[in-house]
Amino acid sequence: MPNFSTQKRLAASVLDVGESRIWINPDPDAAGDITDAITRDDIRSQIEAGNIKAKPKKGNSRARYRVRAAKRAYGHKKGQGRRKGAKGSRSPKKEIWMTKIRALRRTLRELREEGDIDRHTYRMLYRKAKGGEYRSTAHLNAYIKAKGLTRSD
């Protein structure tokens, strides 16, 4: 089979793909026509004749990634040896704070709307939450119970 490097280069340009994706018909009858094709028009006519084609794109399989992602979803493959980056870069402090403060404020709002705490207690607890006094909603509820701030008490 002759060297079709010029034809491959021109076909790659015409089809707008890389040279490695150009397929040239290995049939000896077509080889003569392809060898004579030295202009872009000649290459276009060979493409129409089906003697030159672009191979399909190769994709990367995502199967292995999906398996790994599924395992990580239930906590596997997340150990110390797998981690790169500081604790604060994997879960930023601000995001942790936002999650916590939203949960605290939601809990306070529910307590106020249900009538468990009055609005003055709500404001006081709201300010304390903003100041970072409570670690979690459980801590907030324990504080309310310990101080006897509910209306039922």
C-alpha atoms as a PDB file:
ATOM      1  CA  MET A   1       0.000   0.000   0.000  1.00  0.00           C
ATOM      2  CA  PRO A   2       1.513   3.371  -0.999  1.00  0.00           C
ATOM      3  CA  ASN A   3       2.342   6.156   1.425  1.00  0.00           C
ATOM      4  CA  PHE A   4      -0.718   8.407   1.623  1.00  0.00           C
ATOM      5  CA  SER A   5       0.762  11.006   4.006  1.00  0.00           C
ATOM      6  CA  THR A   6      -0.137  13.994   1.773  1.00  0.00           C
ATOM      7  CA  GLN A   7      -3.646  12.664   1.181  1.00  0.00           C
ATOM      8  CA  LYS A   8      -4.077  12.056   4.925  1.00  0.00           C
ATOM      9  CA  ARG A   9      -2.947  15.594   5.726  1.00  0.00           C
ATOM     10  CA  LEU A  10      -5.288  17.132   3.161  1.00  0.00           C
ATOM     11  CA  ALA A  11      -8.210  14.902   4.192  1.00  0.00           C
ATOM     12  CA  ALA A  12      -7.664  15.821   7.857  1.00  0.00           C
ATOM     13  CA  SER A  13      -7.831  19.484   6.905  1.00  0.00           C
ATOM     14  CA  VAL A  14     -10.942  19.038   4.720  1.00  0.00           C
ATOM     15  CA  LEU A  15     -12.797  16.899   7.301  1.00  0.00           C
ATOM     16  CA  ASP A  16     -11.541  19.051  10.206  1.00  0.00           C
ATOM     17  CA  VAL A  17     -10.217  16.106  12.229  1.00  0.00           C
ATOM     18  CA  GLY A  18      -6.761  14.884  13.249  1.00  0.00           C
ATOM     19  CA  GLU A  19      -4.642  12.823  10.832  1.00  0.00           C
ATOM     20  CA  SER A  20      -4.937   9.798  13.132  1.00  0.00           C
ATOM     21  CA  ARG A  21      -8.693   9.735  12.523  1.00  0.00           C
ATOM     22  CA  ILE A  22      -8.417   9.506   8.722  1.00  0.00           C
ATOM     23  CA  TRP A  23      -9.335   6.121   7.239  1.00  0.00           C
ATOM     24  CA  ILE A  24      -8.195   5.337   3.699  1.00  0.00           C
ATOM     25  CA  ASN A  25      -9.704   2.435   1.753  1.00  0.00           C
ATOM     26  CA  PRO A  26      -7.144  -0.425   1.748  1.00  0.00           C
ATOM     27  CA  ASP A  27      -8.585  -1.835  -1.516  1.00  0.00           C
ATOM     28  CA  PRO A  28      -5.809  -1.917  -4.209  1.00  0.00           C
ATOM     29  CA  ASP A  29      -8.338  -0.799  -6.897  1.00  0.00           C
ATOM     30  CA  ALA A  30      -8.977   2.451  -4.998  1.00  0.00           C
ATOM     31  CA  ALA A  31      -5.266   3.012  -4.224  1.00  0.00           C
ATOM     32  CA  GLY A  32      -4.557   4.424  -7.701  1.00  0.00           C
ATOM     33  CA  ASP A  33      -7.367   6.990  -7.484  1.00  0.00           C
ATOM     34  CA  ILE A  34      -6.287   8.033  -3.995  1.00  0.00           C
ATOM     35  CA  THR A  35      -2.631   8.366  -5.028  1.00  0.00           C
ATOM     36  CA  ASP A  36      -3.674  10.710  -7.867  1.00  0.00           C
ATOM     37  CA  ALA A  37      -5.708  12.874  -5.446  1.00  0.00           C
ATOM     38  CA  ILE A  38      -3.331  15.754  -4.705  1.00  0.00           C
ATOM     39  CA  THR A  39      -5.701  18.715  -4.423  1.00  0.00           C
ATOM     40  CA  ARG A  40      -8.429  19.434  -1.898  1.00  0.00           C
ATOM     41  CA  ASP A  41     -11.045  19.037  -4.611  1.00  0.00           C
ATOM     42  CA  ASP A  42      -9.628  15.610  -5.487  1.00  0.00           C
ATOM     43  CA  ILE A  43      -9.766  14.666  -1.779  1.00  0.00           C
ATOM     44  CA  ARG A  44     -13.413  15.862  -1.557  1.00  0.00           C
ATOM     45  CA  SER A  45     -14.337  13.670  -4.533  1.00  0.00           C
ATOM     46  CA  GLN A  46     -12.616  10.662  -2.839  1.00  0.00           C
ATOM     47  CA  ILE A  47     -14.578  11.392   0.366  1.00  0.00           C
ATOM     48  CA  GLU A  48     -17.819  11.419  -1.650  1.00  0.00           C
ATOM     49  CA  ALA A  49     -16.783   8.149  -3.320  1.00  0.00           C
ATOM     50  CA  GLY A  50     -16.270   6.636   0.156  1.00  0.00           C
ATOM     51  CA  ASN A  51     -12.559   5.930  -0.282  1.00  0.00           C
ATOM     52  CA  ILE A  52     -11.611   8.350   2.513  1.00  0.00           C
ATOM     53  CA  LYS A  53     -13.542   8.679   5.772  1.00  0.00           C
ATOM     54  CA  ALA A  54     -13.151  10.095   9.263  1.00  0.00           C
ATOM     55  CA  LYS A  55     -13.066   7.462  12.004  1.00  0.00           C
ATOM     56  CA  PRO A  56     -15.445   8.054  14.934  1.00  0.00           C
ATOM     57  CA  LYS A  57     -14.189   9.869  18.003  1.00  0.00           C
ATOM     58  CA  LYS A  58     -12.865   7.705  20.792  1.00  0.00           C
ATOM     59  CA  GLY A  59     -14.526   8.362  24.152  1.00  0.00           C
ATOM     60  CA  ASN A  60     -13.306   7.647  27.658  1.00  0.00           C
ATOM     61  CA  SER A  61     -15.410   5.133  29.549  1.00  0.00           C
ATOM     62  CA  ARG A  62     -17.009   6.543  32.693  1.00  0.00           C
ATOM     63  CA  ALA A  63     -17.837   3.127  34.144  1.00  0.00           C
ATOM     64  CA  ARG A  64     -14.850   3.039  36.518  1.00  0.00           C
ATOM     65  CA  TYR A  65     -15.577   6.614  37.644  1.00  0.00           C
ATOM     66  CA  ARG A  66     -19.214   5.756  38.397  1.00  0.00           C
ATOM     67  CA  VAL A  67     -18.214   2.771  40.531  1.00  0.00           C
ATOM     68  CA  ARG A  68     -15.728   4.917  42.463  1.00  0.00           C
ATOM     69  CA  ALA A  69     -18.269   7.735  42.921  1.00  0.00           C
ATOM     70  CA  ALA A  70     -20.852   5.264  44.226  1.00  0.00           C
ATOM     71  CA  LYS A  71     -18.369   3.950  46.799  1.00  0.00           C
ATOM     72  CA  ARG A  72     -17.457   7.477  47.883  1.00  0.00           C
ATOM     73  CA  ALA A  73     -21.149   8.280  48.298  1.00  0.00           C
ATOM     74  CA  TYR A  74     -21.303   5.803  51.177  1.00  0.00           C
ATOM     75  CA  GLY A  75     -17.949   6.811  52.650  1.00  0.00           C
ATOM     76  CA  HIS A  76     -15.403   4.437  51.123  1.00  0.00           C
ATOM     77  CA  LYS A  77     -12.172   5.629  49.484  1.00  0.00           C
ATOM     78  CA  LYS A  78     -12.124   8.842  51.525  1.00  0.00           C
ATOM     79  CA  GLY A  79      -9.419   8.000  54.056  1.00  0.00           C
ATOM     80  CA  GLN A  80      -6.380  10.056  55.067  1.00  0.00           C
ATOM     81  CA  GLY A  81      -4.219   8.609  52.293  1.00  0.00           C
ATOM     82  CA  ARG A  82      -6.706   9.742  49.636  1.00  0.00           C
ATOM     83  CA  ARG A  83      -6.860  13.356  50.743  1.00  0.00           C
ATOM     84  CA  LYS A  84      -5.011  16.265  49.217  1.00  0.00           C
ATOM     85  CA  GLY A  85      -5.563  19.766  50.450  1.00  0.00           C
ATOM     86  CA  ALA A  86      -6.222  21.153  53.884  1.00  0.00           C
ATOM     87  CA  LYS A  87      -9.362  20.410  55.886  1.00  0.00           C
ATOM     88  CA  GLY A  88     -10.608  23.930  55.120  1.00  0.00           C
ATOM     89  CA  SER A  89     -10.180  23.469  51.381  1.00  0.00           C
ATOM     90  CA  ARG A  90     -12.110  20.191  51.221  1.00  0.00           C
ATOM     91  CA  SER A  91     -15.013  21.697  53.165  1.00  0.00           C
ATOM     92  CA  PRO A  92     -14.578  25.475  53.478  1.00  0.00           C
ATOM     93  CA  LYS A  93     -15.192  27.053  56.890  1.00  0.00           C
ATOM     94  CA  LYS A  94     -17.737  29.418  55.423  1.00  0.00           C
ATOM     95  CA  GLU A  95     -19.843  26.592  53.986  1.00  0.00           C
ATOM     96  CA  ILE A  96     -19.761  24.749  57.322  1.00  0.00           C
ATOM     97  CA  TRP A  97     -20.836  27.962  59.070  1.00  0.00           C
ATOM     98  CA  MET A  98     -23.631  28.616  56.563  1.00  0.00           C
ATOM     99  CA  THR A  99     -25.022  25.090  56.985  1.00  0.00           C
ATOM    100  CA  LYS A 100     -24.916  25.387  60.778  1.00  0.00           C
ATOM    101  CA  ILE A 101     -26.373  28.907  61.104  1.00  0.00           C
ATOM    102  CA  ARG A 102     -29.215  28.132  58.686  1.00  0.00           C
ATOM    103  CA  ALA A 103     -30.149  25.050  60.713  1.00  0.00           C
ATOM    104  CA  LEU A 104     -30.038  27.050  63.984  1.00  0.00           C
ATOM    105  CA  ARG A 105     -32.136  29.897  62.580  1.00  0.00           C
ATOM    106  CA  ARG A 106     -34.650  27.458  61.109  1.00  0.00           C
ATOM    107  CA  THR A 107     -34.990  25.768  64.523  1.00  0.00           C
ATOM    108  CA  LEU A 108     -35.412  29.116  66.292  1.00  0.00           C
ATOM    109  CA  ARG A 109     -38.040  30.233  63.781  1.00  0.00           C
ATOM    110  CA  GLU A 110     -39.990  26.984  64.262  1.00  0.00           C
ATOM    111  CA  LEU A 111     -39.850  27.332  68.066  1.00  0.00           C
ATOM    112  CA  ARG A 112     -41.120  30.925  67.848  1.00  0.00           C
ATOM    113  CA  GLU A 113     -43.929  30.074  65.398  1.00  0.00           C
ATOM    114  CA  GLU A 114     -45.076  27.115  67.505  1.00  0.00           C
ATOM    115  CA  GLY A 115     -45.160  29.387  70.540  1.00  0.00           C
ATOM    116  CA  ASP A 116     -42.511  27.467  72.472  1.00  0.00           C
ATOM    117  CA  ILE A 117     -40.423  30.625  72.942  1.00  0.00           C
ATOM    118  CA  ASP A 118     -41.492  34.283  73.030  1.00  0.00           C
ATOM    119  CA  ARG A 119     -40.057  36.884  70.679  1.00  0.00           C
ATOM    120  CA  HIS A 120     -37.672  38.345  73.285  1.00  0.00           C
ATOM    121  CA  THR A 121     -36.157  34.919  73.967  1.00  0.00           C
ATOM    122  CA  TYR A 122     -36.024  34.345  70.191  1.00  0.00           C
ATOM    123  CA  ARG A 123     -34.026  37.560  69.660  1.00  0.00           C
ATOM    124  CA  MET A 124     -31.638  36.743  72.510  1.00  0.00           C
ATOM    125  CA  LEU A 125     -31.023  33.205  71.212  1.00  0.00           C
ATOM    126  CA  TYR A 126     -30.732  34.499  67.625  1.00  0.00           C
ATOM    127  CA  ARG A 127     -27.948  36.895  68.645  1.00  0.00           C
ATOM    128  CA  LYS A 128     -26.151  34.186  70.601  1.00  0.00           C
ATOM    129  CA  ALA A 129     -26.372  31.868  67.575  1.00  0.00           C
ATOM    130  CA  LYS A 130     -24.920  34.619  65.391  1.00  0.00           C
ATOM    131  CA  GLY A 131     -22.082  34.990  67.885  1.00  0.00           C
ATOM    132  CA  GLY A 132     -21.232  31.319  67.469  1.00  0.00           C
ATOM    133  CA  GLU A 133     -22.349  30.176  70.897  1.00  0.00           C
ATOM    134  CA  TYR A 134     -24.019  26.951  69.736  1.00  0.00           C
ATOM    135  CA  ARG A 135     -22.246  24.086  68.008  1.00  0.00           C
ATOM    136  CA  SER A 136     -25.436  22.532  66.639  1.00  0.00           C
ATOM    137  CA  THR A 137     -29.220  22.470  66.933  1.00  0.00           C
ATOM    138  CA  ALA A 138     -28.872  19.782  69.605  1.00  0.00           C
ATOM    139  CA  HIS A 139     -26.607  22.119  71.588  1.00  0.00           C
ATOM    140  CA  LEU A 140     -29.146  24.954  71.149  1.00  0.00           C
ATOM    141  CA  ASN A 141     -32.019  22.738  72.347  1.00  0.00           C
ATOM    142  CA  ALA A 142     -29.963  21.563  75.347  1.00  0.00           C
ATOM    143  CA  TYR A 143     -29.217  25.211  76.245  1.00  0.00           C
ATOM    144  CA  ILE A 144     -32.920  26.147  76.010  1.00  0.00           C
ATOM    145  CA  LYS A 145     -33.886  23.180  78.194  1.00  0.00           C
ATOM    146  CA  ALA A 146     -31.108  23.824  80.759  1.00  0.00           C
ATOM    147  CA  LYS A 147     -32.047  27.522  81.126  1.00  0.00           C
ATOM    148  CA  GLY A 148     -35.781  26.770  81.119  1.00  0.00           C
ATOM    149  CA  LEU A 149     -36.520  29.246  78.306  1.00  0.00           C
ATOM    150  CA  THR A 150     -39.561  27.478  76.885  1.00  0.00           C
ATOM    151  CA  ARG A 151     -43.016  28.874  77.616  1.00  0.00           C
ATOM    152  CA  SER A 152     -44.285  25.576  79.020  1.00  0.00           C
ATOM    153  CA  ASP A 153     -41.727  25.793  81.881  1.00  0.00           C
END
